[in-house]
Amino acid sequence: MQQRQAAGMVSSFSPKRLMKALKRRLTLVRQLPGADVVVVSIKKSGRTWLRALLTRLFHDTYATPTDLLLDGGNHKALNPAAPSVLFAH
């Protein structure tokens, strides 16, 4: 059993997985200066629900479409008055 656990630990730190995580972080760092608001959450905390709620708020406030879920600056591209929101976890 210890061998399996050790093997699992080694595979969780594989170079491929590490590179993928680093790429995600670099993408986030590059997007940060352009964001007006940053929402940081943990996984499984209701982030999609919050995005849907904010999408509705943006629709009412900035006349953006309700069928376009808020993601980064996609609403700001439609209405420059709308803030750019970056979601991260």
C-alpha atoms as a PDB file:
ATOM      1  CA  MET A   1       0.000   0.000   0.000  1.00  0.00           C
ATOM      2  CA  GLN A   2       2.845   2.397   0.759  1.00  0.00           C
ATOM      3  CA  GLN A   3       4.234   1.799  -2.714  1.00  0.00           C
ATOM      4  CA  ARG A   4       0.908   2.791  -4.251  1.00  0.00           C
ATOM      5  CA  GLN A   5       0.758   5.956  -2.174  1.00  0.00           C
ATOM      6  CA  ALA A   6       4.323   6.827  -3.069  1.00  0.00           C
ATOM      7  CA  ALA A   7       3.609   6.177  -6.740  1.00  0.00           C
ATOM      8  CA  GLY A   8       0.504   8.382  -6.514  1.00  0.00           C
ATOM      9  CA  MET A   9       2.503  11.201  -4.996  1.00  0.00           C
ATOM     10  CA  VAL A  10       5.123  10.976  -7.709  1.00  0.00           C
ATOM     11  CA  SER A  11       2.536  10.991 -10.499  1.00  0.00           C
ATOM     12  CA  SER A  12       0.758  14.024  -9.006  1.00  0.00           C
ATOM     13  CA  PHE A  13       3.966  16.021  -9.454  1.00  0.00           C
ATOM     14  CA  SER A  14       4.649  14.925 -13.004  1.00  0.00           C
ATOM     15  CA  PRO A  15       6.398  17.448 -15.272  1.00  0.00           C
ATOM     16  CA  LYS A  16       3.389  17.535 -17.605  1.00  0.00           C
ATOM     17  CA  ARG A  17       1.013  18.392 -14.770  1.00  0.00           C
ATOM     18  CA  LEU A  18       3.425  20.957 -13.364  1.00  0.00           C
ATOM     19  CA  MET A  19       3.764  22.687 -16.752  1.00  0.00           C
ATOM     20  CA  LYS A  20      -0.018  22.821 -17.135  1.00  0.00           C
ATOM     21  CA  ALA A  21      -0.360  24.457 -13.695  1.00  0.00           C
ATOM     22  CA  LEU A  22       2.388  26.962 -14.503  1.00  0.00           C
ATOM     23  CA  LYS A  23       0.722  27.894 -17.799  1.00  0.00           C
ATOM     24  CA  ARG A  24      -2.570  28.546 -15.967  1.00  0.00           C
ATOM     25  CA  ARG A  25      -0.780  30.778 -13.467  1.00  0.00           C
ATOM     26  CA  LEU A  26       1.051  32.698 -16.205  1.00  0.00           C
ATOM     27  CA  THR A  27      -2.219  33.269 -18.038  1.00  0.00           C
ATOM     28  CA  LEU A  28      -3.748  34.597 -14.821  1.00  0.00           C
ATOM     29  CA  VAL A  29      -0.781  36.910 -14.194  1.00  0.00           C
ATOM     30  CA  ARG A  30      -1.053  38.299 -17.726  1.00  0.00           C
ATOM     31  CA  GLN A  31      -4.788  38.967 -17.345  1.00  0.00           C
ATOM     32  CA  LEU A  32      -4.511  40.622 -13.935  1.00  0.00           C
ATOM     33  CA  PRO A  33      -3.467  44.143 -15.028  1.00  0.00           C
ATOM     34  CA  GLY A  34      -6.475  44.423 -17.374  1.00  0.00           C
ATOM     35  CA  ALA A  35      -9.022  43.420 -14.733  1.00  0.00           C
ATOM     36  CA  ASP A  36     -11.100  45.979 -12.903  1.00  0.00           C
ATOM     37  CA  VAL A  37     -12.355  43.359 -10.422  1.00  0.00           C
ATOM     38  CA  VAL A  38     -10.811  40.040  -9.362  1.00  0.00           C
ATOM     39  CA  VAL A  39     -12.947  37.293  -7.817  1.00  0.00           C
ATOM     40  CA  VAL A  40     -10.866  34.613  -6.088  1.00  0.00           C
ATOM     41  CA  SER A  41     -12.623  31.469  -4.940  1.00  0.00           C
ATOM     42  CA  ILE A  42     -12.012  27.873  -4.016  1.00  0.00           C
ATOM     43  CA  LYS A  43     -13.252  24.985  -6.112  1.00  0.00           C
ATOM     44  CA  LYS A  44     -16.873  23.914  -5.623  1.00  0.00           C
ATOM     45  CA  SER A  45     -17.789  27.195  -3.915  1.00  0.00           C
ATOM     46  CA  GLY A  46     -20.540  28.356  -6.278  1.00  0.00           C
ATOM     47  CA  ARG A  47     -18.468  30.444  -8.651  1.00  0.00           C
ATOM     48  CA  THR A  48     -20.640  29.622 -11.677  1.00  0.00           C
ATOM     49  CA  TRP A  49     -23.726  30.657  -9.723  1.00  0.00           C
ATOM     50  CA  LEU A  50     -22.013  33.954  -8.857  1.00  0.00           C
ATOM     51  CA  ARG A  51     -21.082  34.482 -12.528  1.00  0.00           C
ATOM     52  CA  ALA A  52     -24.726  33.927 -13.518  1.00  0.00           C
ATOM     53  CA  LEU A  53     -25.907  36.382 -10.863  1.00  0.00           C
ATOM     54  CA  LEU A  54     -23.372  38.990 -11.978  1.00  0.00           C
ATOM     55  CA  THR A  55     -24.334  38.405 -15.621  1.00  0.00           C
ATOM     56  CA  ARG A  56     -27.904  39.368 -14.740  1.00  0.00           C
ATOM     57  CA  LEU A  57     -26.696  42.411 -12.795  1.00  0.00           C
ATOM     58  CA  PHE A  58     -24.533  43.483 -15.756  1.00  0.00           C
ATOM     59  CA  HIS A  59     -27.528  43.036 -18.066  1.00  0.00           C
ATOM     60  CA  ASP A  60     -29.666  45.313 -15.901  1.00  0.00           C
ATOM     61  CA  THR A  61     -26.905  47.876 -15.346  1.00  0.00           C
ATOM     62  CA  TYR A  62     -24.962  47.903 -18.623  1.00  0.00           C
ATOM     63  CA  ALA A  63     -27.493  46.429 -21.108  1.00  0.00           C
ATOM     64  CA  THR A  64     -25.305  43.398 -21.917  1.00  0.00           C
ATOM     65  CA  PRO A  65     -26.866  40.124 -23.146  1.00  0.00           C
ATOM     66  CA  THR A  66     -28.214  37.726 -20.517  1.00  0.00           C
ATOM     67  CA  ASP A  67     -27.223  34.655 -22.529  1.00  0.00           C
ATOM     68  CA  LEU A  68     -23.492  35.559 -22.465  1.00  0.00           C
ATOM     69  CA  LEU A  69     -22.069  34.343 -19.141  1.00  0.00           C
ATOM     70  CA  LEU A  70     -19.676  36.847 -17.595  1.00  0.00           C
ATOM     71  CA  ASP A  71     -16.080  35.804 -18.273  1.00  0.00           C
ATOM     72  CA  GLY A  72     -13.172  38.220 -18.076  1.00  0.00           C
ATOM     73  CA  GLY A  73     -13.692  41.238 -20.283  1.00  0.00           C
ATOM     74  CA  ASN A  74     -16.339  39.797 -22.609  1.00  0.00           C
ATOM     75  CA  HIS A  75     -19.005  42.202 -21.304  1.00  0.00           C
ATOM     76  CA  LYS A  76     -16.576  45.126 -21.310  1.00  0.00           C
ATOM     77  CA  ALA A  77     -16.007  44.472 -25.026  1.00  0.00           C
ATOM     78  CA  LEU A  78     -19.747  44.957 -25.577  1.00  0.00           C
ATOM     79  CA  ASN A  79     -20.082  47.982 -23.299  1.00  0.00           C
ATOM     80  CA  PRO A  80     -16.884  49.824 -22.265  1.00  0.00           C
ATOM     81  CA  ALA A  81     -18.634  51.131 -19.139  1.00  0.00           C
ATOM     82  CA  ALA A  82     -18.913  47.573 -17.760  1.00  0.00           C
ATOM     83  CA  PRO A  83     -16.031  46.470 -15.539  1.00  0.00           C
ATOM     84  CA  SER A  84     -13.739  43.621 -16.568  1.00  0.00           C
ATOM     85  CA  VAL A  85     -14.083  40.761 -14.069  1.00  0.00           C
ATOM     86  CA  LEU A  86     -11.350  38.135 -13.667  1.00  0.00           C
ATOM     87  CA  PHE A  87     -12.305  34.867 -11.961  1.00  0.00           C
ATOM     88  CA  ALA A  88      -9.577  32.748 -10.373  1.00  0.00           C
ATOM     89  CA  HIS A  89      -9.225  29.858  -7.963  1.00  0.00           C
END
